[in-house]
Amino acid sequence: MASPNTAKRAKKQGKEPFDYSLMLIVLGLVVFGLVVLYSTSAYNGQVKFADKAYYLKKQFFATSLGLACMYAVSRIDYHKWERLAVLGYLMSIVLSTAVLFFGDEYNGSKRWLSLGPISFQPSEFAKVAVILLLASVISRRVRKMTSLWQMFLVMLVILPIVGLVGTNNLSTAIIIMGIAVILVFVASPKYFQFIGMGALGVGFLAIFLSVESYRLERLAIWRNPEEYEKGYQTLQGLYAIGSGGLFGVGYGNSMQKLGFVPEAQNDMIFSIVCEEFGLLGAIIVILLFLLLVWRLLIIAMHVTDLFGCMIAVGIMGHIMIQVILNIAVVTNTIPNTGITLPFISYGGTSVLFLLSEMGLALNVSRHVTYS
């Protein structure tokens, strides 16, 4: 048995064991995501690039890079990131502004920025930047988080990035705003004031919806997808879910992925999961995400300082909101917002920054104390 002095020295050096349960859940989701992605994307890869493994290869490369980042970030004391929180946020604003002027447009959306051969979505970086910034701001002002005015000031800090991202990517803007609301809610001892904040949020969302006509059109498509040509993807996704039944048609046997669900490997991949693995498979995937959220909650509750707590809560909020929105879109519970399923949908930038977030959470878990 190690002596108390040895344990203290190990803690100072940041060598305490991290949350292995969290790591195993993340690895499970990553492996499952790659397996499902190959099945879902093989047809599109063959038709478009004459390579069934085209999407798998690109995702595997991004995932490998993400796992390396996860390990590296898990070894860096998360307190060091607080010094870079403001700089990171300013960088996210600059990159999001650059997208408006120099961004690449795919499938009608201008969300990507190219730097030579590398293309990425600055909005994914913005999520991490906002989590770190708000964790820093709230941990420094927590004693003042008792009035509506102070909460409004904190929310005001992230409005520039919400506005920039929301110009071309409303779904990510909603996620960023949701992360902020969750962090403020957790830090504030008073709950009644959130009724006022909720009213402001609804008003802000209404303005965003009314600025562009296509956003209002999405509401109409959501209500009656069969009456609109753009409702085709939603209907085909629902057909896939219904075809899966209880146990699914079997891995690789989906019919809807054969061009019926457009770009099935992206936002609609959960519908293919339901078709091939059935209701049982869908429940298992949801349970994995619930376990992930639970471990992040445990870390947030037992970490030794508020900054670490806010980081864990922010990451938890990000995963929770994105999973709920994606599944809600696929099942047509809410209008289509074009949002990916974490760790499973195709997207190199997404998986890279998600795994980096998990590395941050793992480092925070090195500083938990259970009593």
Protein backbone atom coordinates (compact mmCIF):
# COMPACT_ATOMS: atom_id res chain seq x y z
CA MET A 1 0.00 0.00 0.00
CA ALA A 2 1.29 3.44 -0.95
CA SER A 3 2.06 5.85 1.86
CA PRO A 4 -0.01 9.04 2.31
CA ASN A 5 2.96 11.15 1.19
CA THR A 6 3.26 9.11 -2.01
CA ALA A 7 -0.44 9.57 -2.72
CA LYS A 8 -0.12 13.34 -2.19
CA ARG A 9 2.87 13.55 -4.54
CA ALA A 10 0.98 11.58 -7.18
CA LYS A 11 -1.97 13.95 -6.85
CA LYS A 12 0.26 17.00 -7.28
CA GLN A 13 1.73 15.49 -10.43
CA GLY A 14 -1.73 14.79 -11.85
CA LYS A 15 -1.18 11.02 -11.96
CA GLU A 16 -4.26 9.90 -10.08
CA PRO A 17 -6.35 7.34 -11.98
CA PHE A 18 -9.10 8.81 -14.10
CA ASP A 19 -12.66 7.54 -14.51
CA TYR A 20 -12.20 4.23 -16.37
CA SER A 21 -15.95 3.74 -16.61
CA LEU A 22 -16.25 6.95 -18.61
CA MET A 23 -13.38 5.92 -20.86
CA LEU A 24 -14.90 2.48 -21.55
CA ILE A 25 -18.29 3.99 -22.38
CA VAL A 26 -16.69 6.44 -24.80
CA LEU A 27 -14.65 3.68 -26.46
CA GLY A 28 -17.78 1.54 -26.73
CA LEU A 29 -19.66 4.33 -28.49
CA VAL A 30 -16.72 5.02 -30.80
CA VAL A 31 -16.35 1.36 -31.85
CA PHE A 32 -20.11 0.98 -32.31
CA GLY A 33 -20.15 4.18 -34.34
CA LEU A 34 -17.48 2.92 -36.74
CA VAL A 35 -19.24 -0.43 -37.16
CA VAL A 36 -22.61 1.21 -37.89
CA LEU A 37 -21.02 3.84 -40.12
CA TYR A 38 -19.50 1.22 -42.40
CA SER A 39 -22.83 -0.53 -42.85
CA THR A 40 -24.69 2.74 -43.37
CA SER A 41 -22.21 4.41 -45.73
CA ALA A 42 -21.01 1.45 -47.85
CA TYR A 43 -23.64 1.99 -50.56
CA ASN A 44 -23.02 5.74 -50.87
CA GLY A 45 -19.27 5.17 -50.82
CA GLN A 46 -19.50 2.65 -53.66
CA VAL A 47 -21.82 4.80 -55.78
CA LYS A 48 -19.98 8.11 -55.32
CA PHE A 49 -16.35 7.08 -54.86
CA ALA A 50 -16.20 3.41 -55.99
CA ASP A 51 -15.03 2.51 -52.48
CA LYS A 52 -17.35 0.98 -49.90
CA ALA A 53 -14.97 1.94 -47.10
CA TYR A 54 -14.51 5.56 -48.23
CA TYR A 55 -16.43 7.14 -45.34
CA LEU A 56 -15.11 4.59 -42.85
CA LYS A 57 -11.49 5.39 -43.74
CA LYS A 58 -12.00 9.12 -43.27
CA GLN A 59 -13.88 8.64 -40.01
CA PHE A 60 -11.29 6.16 -38.73
CA PHE A 61 -8.52 8.69 -39.37
CA ALA A 62 -10.42 11.46 -37.56
CA THR A 63 -11.28 9.08 -34.72
CA SER A 64 -7.64 8.00 -34.34
CA LEU A 65 -6.58 11.64 -34.20
CA GLY A 66 -9.39 12.32 -31.72
CA LEU A 67 -8.31 9.45 -29.45
CA ALA A 68 -4.75 10.82 -29.48
CA CYS A 69 -6.13 14.25 -28.53
CA MET A 70 -8.28 12.66 -25.82
CA TYR A 71 -5.23 11.02 -24.28
CA ALA A 72 -3.12 14.18 -24.53
CA VAL A 73 -5.82 16.43 -23.03
CA SER A 74 -6.47 13.91 -20.24
CA ARG A 75 -2.83 14.35 -19.15
CA ILE A 76 -2.98 18.18 -18.99
CA ASP A 77 -4.26 19.73 -15.77
CA TYR A 78 -7.60 21.27 -16.70
CA HIS A 79 -6.82 24.40 -14.63
CA LYS A 80 -4.28 25.39 -17.29
CA TRP A 81 -7.05 25.74 -19.86
CA GLU A 82 -8.64 28.51 -17.80
CA ARG A 83 -5.84 30.86 -18.83
CA LEU A 84 -6.68 30.22 -22.48
CA ALA A 85 -10.48 30.39 -22.13
CA VAL A 86 -10.86 33.99 -23.33
CA LEU A 87 -8.36 33.51 -26.16
CA GLY A 88 -10.13 30.35 -27.27
CA TYR A 89 -13.48 32.13 -27.29
CA LEU A 90 -12.09 35.02 -29.33
CA MET A 91 -10.60 32.53 -31.78
CA SER A 92 -14.01 30.87 -32.16
CA ILE A 93 -15.53 34.27 -33.00
CA VAL A 94 -12.82 34.96 -35.59
CA LEU A 95 -13.22 31.53 -37.20
CA SER A 96 -17.02 31.75 -37.24
CA THR A 97 -16.78 35.19 -38.84
CA ALA A 98 -14.38 33.79 -41.44
CA VAL A 99 -16.97 31.16 -42.37
CA LEU A 100 -19.41 33.92 -43.37
CA PHE A 101 -16.93 35.34 -45.88
CA PHE A 102 -14.67 32.44 -46.88
CA GLY A 103 -16.65 29.36 -45.86
CA ASP A 104 -17.27 26.35 -48.10
CA GLU A 105 -20.86 25.46 -48.88
CA TYR A 106 -22.07 21.85 -48.94
CA ASN A 107 -25.67 20.73 -49.42
CA GLY A 108 -26.84 24.33 -49.18
CA SER A 109 -25.12 25.09 -45.86
CA LYS A 110 -22.02 27.25 -45.40
CA ARG A 111 -20.46 25.73 -42.28
CA TRP A 112 -16.97 24.61 -43.30
CA LEU A 113 -13.67 26.44 -43.44
CA SER A 114 -10.78 25.12 -45.52
CA LEU A 115 -7.12 25.54 -44.61
CA GLY A 116 -5.28 23.93 -47.48
CA PRO A 117 -6.35 20.26 -47.71
CA ILE A 118 -7.98 20.39 -44.28
CA SER A 119 -11.65 21.27 -43.94
CA PHE A 120 -13.36 21.68 -40.56
CA GLN A 121 -16.39 23.21 -38.88
CA PRO A 122 -15.48 26.10 -36.53
CA SER A 123 -18.85 25.65 -34.80
CA GLU A 124 -17.56 22.42 -33.22
CA PHE A 125 -14.60 24.30 -31.76
CA ALA A 126 -17.02 27.00 -30.56
CA LYS A 127 -18.83 24.49 -28.32
CA VAL A 128 -15.64 23.64 -26.44
CA ALA A 129 -14.60 27.30 -26.27
CA VAL A 130 -17.95 28.31 -24.79
CA ILE A 131 -17.81 25.55 -22.16
CA LEU A 132 -14.36 26.67 -20.98
CA LEU A 133 -15.23 30.36 -21.05
CA LEU A 134 -18.48 30.03 -19.12
CA ALA A 135 -16.90 27.59 -16.65
CA SER A 136 -14.27 30.24 -15.94
CA VAL A 137 -16.70 33.19 -15.77
CA ILE A 138 -19.25 31.41 -13.58
CA SER A 139 -16.67 29.97 -11.18
CA ARG A 140 -15.32 33.50 -10.63
CA ARG A 141 -18.76 35.13 -10.25
CA VAL A 142 -20.67 32.35 -8.52
CA ARG A 143 -21.47 34.48 -5.45
CA LYS A 144 -23.18 36.99 -7.73
CA MET A 145 -25.33 34.40 -9.52
CA THR A 146 -28.35 35.26 -7.42
CA SER A 147 -29.94 37.99 -9.53
CA LEU A 148 -31.54 37.87 -12.95
CA TRP A 149 -29.30 40.73 -14.06
CA GLN A 150 -26.10 38.81 -13.28
CA MET A 151 -27.40 35.72 -15.08
CA PHE A 152 -28.32 37.88 -18.05
CA LEU A 153 -24.78 39.33 -18.13
CA VAL A 154 -23.30 35.83 -18.26
CA MET A 155 -25.63 34.87 -21.10
CA LEU A 156 -24.77 38.12 -22.87
CA VAL A 157 -21.14 36.99 -23.09
CA ILE A 158 -21.97 34.18 -25.52
CA LEU A 159 -24.52 36.02 -27.67
CA PRO A 160 -21.87 37.06 -30.27
CA ILE A 161 -20.91 33.45 -31.03
CA VAL A 162 -24.56 32.34 -30.93
CA GLY A 163 -25.43 35.01 -33.49
CA LEU A 164 -22.49 34.17 -35.77
CA VAL A 165 -23.00 30.41 -35.65
CA GLY A 166 -26.78 30.72 -35.90
CA THR A 167 -26.51 32.57 -39.20
CA ASN A 168 -25.76 29.31 -41.03
CA ASN A 169 -26.20 26.67 -38.34
CA LEU A 170 -29.23 27.23 -36.12
CA SER A 171 -29.00 23.78 -34.52
CA THR A 172 -25.47 24.40 -33.18
CA ALA A 173 -26.52 27.86 -31.97
CA ILE A 174 -29.34 26.19 -30.01
CA ILE A 175 -26.85 23.72 -28.50
CA ILE A 176 -24.48 26.51 -27.45
CA MET A 177 -27.36 28.45 -25.91
CA GLY A 178 -28.57 25.29 -24.18
CA ILE A 179 -25.13 24.63 -22.70
CA ALA A 180 -25.07 28.18 -21.32
CA VAL A 181 -28.54 27.84 -19.79
CA ILE A 182 -27.61 24.57 -18.08
CA LEU A 183 -24.40 26.03 -16.64
CA VAL A 184 -26.19 29.12 -15.32
CA PHE A 185 -29.01 26.97 -13.94
CA VAL A 186 -26.59 24.73 -12.04
CA ALA A 187 -24.63 27.70 -10.64
CA SER A 188 -27.67 29.72 -9.58
CA PRO A 189 -29.33 29.02 -6.20
CA LYS A 190 -32.63 30.50 -7.42
CA TYR A 191 -34.82 28.77 -9.99
CA PHE A 192 -37.80 31.10 -10.39
CA GLN A 193 -35.72 33.56 -12.41
CA PHE A 194 -35.34 30.99 -15.15
CA ILE A 195 -38.92 31.66 -16.18
CA GLY A 196 -37.75 35.10 -17.29
CA MET A 197 -34.69 33.64 -18.98
CA GLY A 198 -36.90 31.09 -20.72
CA ALA A 199 -39.11 33.87 -22.07
CA LEU A 200 -36.01 35.69 -23.38
CA GLY A 201 -34.80 32.47 -24.99
CA VAL A 202 -38.13 31.88 -26.72
CA GLY A 203 -38.11 35.45 -28.01
CA PHE A 204 -34.53 35.10 -29.26
CA LEU A 205 -35.43 31.84 -31.04
CA ALA A 206 -38.53 33.41 -32.59
CA ILE A 207 -36.38 36.20 -34.06
CA PHE A 208 -33.96 33.68 -35.52
CA LEU A 209 -36.79 31.69 -37.08
CA SER A 210 -38.40 34.74 -38.63
CA VAL A 211 -35.20 36.17 -40.15
CA GLU A 212 -34.93 33.40 -42.76
CA SER A 213 -38.00 32.06 -44.57
CA TYR A 214 -36.54 28.56 -44.93
CA ARG A 215 -36.64 28.13 -41.15
CA LEU A 216 -40.38 28.79 -41.10
CA GLU A 217 -40.71 26.35 -43.99
CA ARG A 218 -39.11 23.68 -41.80
CA LEU A 219 -41.93 24.09 -39.31
CA ALA A 220 -44.49 23.48 -42.04
CA ILE A 221 -42.56 20.41 -43.28
CA TRP A 222 -42.41 19.07 -39.74
CA ARG A 223 -46.18 19.28 -39.36
CA ASN A 224 -46.96 17.70 -42.74
CA PRO A 225 -43.81 16.04 -44.21
CA GLU A 226 -45.83 14.09 -46.77
CA GLU A 227 -47.00 17.31 -48.43
CA TYR A 228 -43.52 18.67 -49.16
CA GLU A 229 -40.70 17.41 -51.34
CA LYS A 230 -38.22 18.30 -48.59
CA GLY A 231 -40.10 16.01 -46.19
CA TYR A 232 -38.83 13.01 -48.16
CA GLN A 233 -35.83 12.41 -45.89
CA THR A 234 -37.98 12.53 -42.75
CA LEU A 235 -40.52 10.07 -44.17
CA GLN A 236 -37.84 7.63 -45.33
CA GLY A 237 -36.23 7.78 -41.90
CA LEU A 238 -39.55 6.94 -40.28
CA TYR A 239 -39.99 4.02 -42.71
CA ALA A 240 -36.57 2.74 -41.63
CA ILE A 241 -37.50 2.94 -37.95
CA GLY A 242 -40.79 1.15 -38.56
CA SER A 243 -39.10 -1.57 -40.63
CA GLY A 244 -36.75 -2.50 -37.80
CA GLY A 245 -39.42 -3.79 -35.47
CA LEU A 246 -38.24 -5.20 -32.17
CA PHE A 247 -34.98 -6.91 -33.17
CA GLY A 248 -34.16 -5.33 -36.54
CA VAL A 249 -33.51 -6.76 -39.99
CA GLY A 250 -29.89 -7.57 -39.16
CA TYR A 251 -26.54 -5.84 -39.56
CA GLY A 252 -25.93 -4.76 -43.15
CA ASN A 253 -29.46 -5.63 -44.28
CA SER A 254 -31.02 -2.17 -44.24
CA MET A 255 -32.97 -1.26 -47.38
CA GLN A 256 -33.44 2.43 -46.59
CA LYS A 257 -29.70 3.12 -46.66
CA LEU A 258 -29.64 2.14 -50.35
CA GLY A 259 -30.33 5.68 -51.47
CA PHE A 260 -33.78 6.04 -49.93
CA VAL A 261 -32.55 7.98 -46.89
CA PRO A 262 -30.33 10.73 -48.40
CA GLU A 263 -26.85 10.87 -46.81
CA ALA A 264 -27.91 8.27 -44.27
CA GLN A 265 -24.46 8.26 -42.63
CA ASN A 266 -24.94 11.82 -41.38
CA ASP A 267 -27.87 13.17 -39.37
CA MET A 268 -30.23 10.23 -40.01
CA ILE A 269 -27.91 7.40 -38.96
CA PHE A 270 -30.07 6.62 -35.91
CA SER A 271 -32.89 5.56 -38.25
CA ILE A 272 -30.56 2.94 -39.79
CA VAL A 273 -29.57 1.81 -36.29
CA CYS A 274 -33.27 1.26 -35.58
CA GLU A 275 -33.79 -0.59 -38.87
CA GLU A 276 -30.82 -2.96 -38.52
CA PHE A 277 -30.87 -3.47 -34.75
CA GLY A 278 -34.51 -2.78 -33.98
CA LEU A 279 -36.04 -1.23 -30.89
CA LEU A 280 -33.70 -3.28 -28.70
CA GLY A 281 -30.62 -1.86 -30.42
CA ALA A 282 -31.97 1.67 -30.19
CA ILE A 283 -32.57 1.24 -26.46
CA ILE A 284 -29.02 -0.04 -25.95
CA VAL A 285 -27.58 3.01 -27.75
CA ILE A 286 -29.72 5.36 -25.65
CA LEU A 287 -28.63 3.53 -22.48
CA LEU A 288 -24.97 4.01 -23.45
CA PHE A 289 -25.54 7.74 -23.76
CA LEU A 290 -27.40 7.78 -20.43
CA LEU A 291 -24.44 6.02 -18.79
CA LEU A 292 -22.11 8.61 -20.31
CA VAL A 293 -24.22 11.47 -18.95
CA TRP A 294 -24.42 9.72 -15.55
CA ARG A 295 -20.63 9.39 -15.28
CA LEU A 296 -20.19 13.06 -16.20
CA LEU A 297 -22.75 13.96 -13.53
CA ILE A 298 -20.87 11.91 -10.93
CA ILE A 299 -17.63 13.68 -11.85
CA ALA A 300 -19.32 17.09 -11.60
CA MET A 301 -20.72 16.26 -8.16
CA HIS A 302 -17.42 15.08 -6.68
CA VAL A 303 -14.72 17.24 -8.29
CA THR A 304 -12.82 19.39 -5.82
CA ASP A 305 -13.42 22.83 -7.37
CA LEU A 306 -16.20 24.75 -9.11
CA PHE A 307 -14.28 25.30 -12.35
CA GLY A 308 -13.93 21.54 -12.83
CA CYS A 309 -17.58 21.07 -11.89
CA MET A 310 -18.71 23.58 -14.52
CA ILE A 311 -16.55 21.91 -17.19
CA ALA A 312 -18.09 18.51 -16.46
CA VAL A 313 -21.60 20.01 -16.41
CA GLY A 314 -20.97 21.82 -19.70
CA ILE A 315 -19.76 18.65 -21.43
CA MET A 316 -22.68 16.72 -19.96
CA GLY A 317 -25.10 19.36 -21.22
CA HIS A 318 -23.54 19.29 -24.69
CA ILE A 319 -23.86 15.51 -25.05
CA MET A 320 -27.35 15.42 -23.56
CA ILE A 321 -28.77 18.22 -25.73
CA GLN A 322 -27.21 16.92 -28.95
CA VAL A 323 -28.41 13.35 -28.44
CA ILE A 324 -31.94 14.45 -27.56
CA LEU A 325 -32.15 16.81 -30.55
CA ASN A 326 -30.82 14.23 -33.02
CA ILE A 327 -33.19 11.47 -31.91
CA ALA A 328 -36.08 13.94 -31.79
CA VAL A 329 -35.35 15.02 -35.37
CA VAL A 330 -35.05 11.45 -36.67
CA THR A 331 -38.37 10.50 -35.05
CA ASN A 332 -39.94 13.78 -36.33
CA THR A 333 -40.67 14.91 -32.77
CA ILE A 334 -39.19 18.31 -33.65
CA PRO A 335 -38.44 20.02 -37.00
CA ASN A 336 -35.36 18.89 -38.90
CA THR A 337 -32.37 20.88 -37.66
CA GLY A 338 -29.48 19.01 -39.26
CA ILE A 339 -27.70 17.77 -36.14
CA THR A 340 -25.41 14.76 -35.77
CA LEU A 341 -25.53 11.89 -33.28
CA PRO A 342 -22.36 12.12 -31.13
CA PHE A 343 -19.64 9.51 -31.87
CA ILE A 344 -21.87 7.69 -34.38
CA SER A 345 -22.74 10.06 -37.23
CA TYR A 346 -20.15 10.71 -39.94
CA GLY A 347 -18.14 13.87 -39.30
CA GLY A 348 -14.42 14.23 -38.67
CA THR A 349 -14.53 17.62 -36.94
CA SER A 350 -17.35 16.50 -34.67
CA VAL A 351 -15.67 13.30 -33.46
CA LEU A 352 -12.31 15.09 -33.05
CA PHE A 353 -13.67 17.76 -30.72
CA LEU A 354 -16.03 15.37 -28.93
CA LEU A 355 -13.12 13.11 -28.03
CA SER A 356 -11.09 16.14 -26.97
CA GLU A 357 -13.97 17.06 -24.65
CA MET A 358 -13.91 13.54 -23.24
CA GLY A 359 -10.17 13.96 -22.57
CA LEU A 360 -10.99 17.15 -20.66
CA ALA A 361 -13.63 15.28 -18.66
CA LEU A 362 -11.18 12.47 -17.91
CA ASN A 363 -8.66 14.99 -16.58
CA VAL A 364 -11.34 16.56 -14.37
CA SER A 365 -12.12 13.07 -13.07
CA ARG A 366 -8.54 12.83 -11.77
CA HIS A 367 -9.48 15.46 -9.19
CA VAL A 368 -12.62 13.90 -7.71
CA THR A 369 -12.95 12.94 -4.08
CA TYR A 370 -15.48 10.37 -2.88
CA SER A 371 -16.48 10.56 0.77
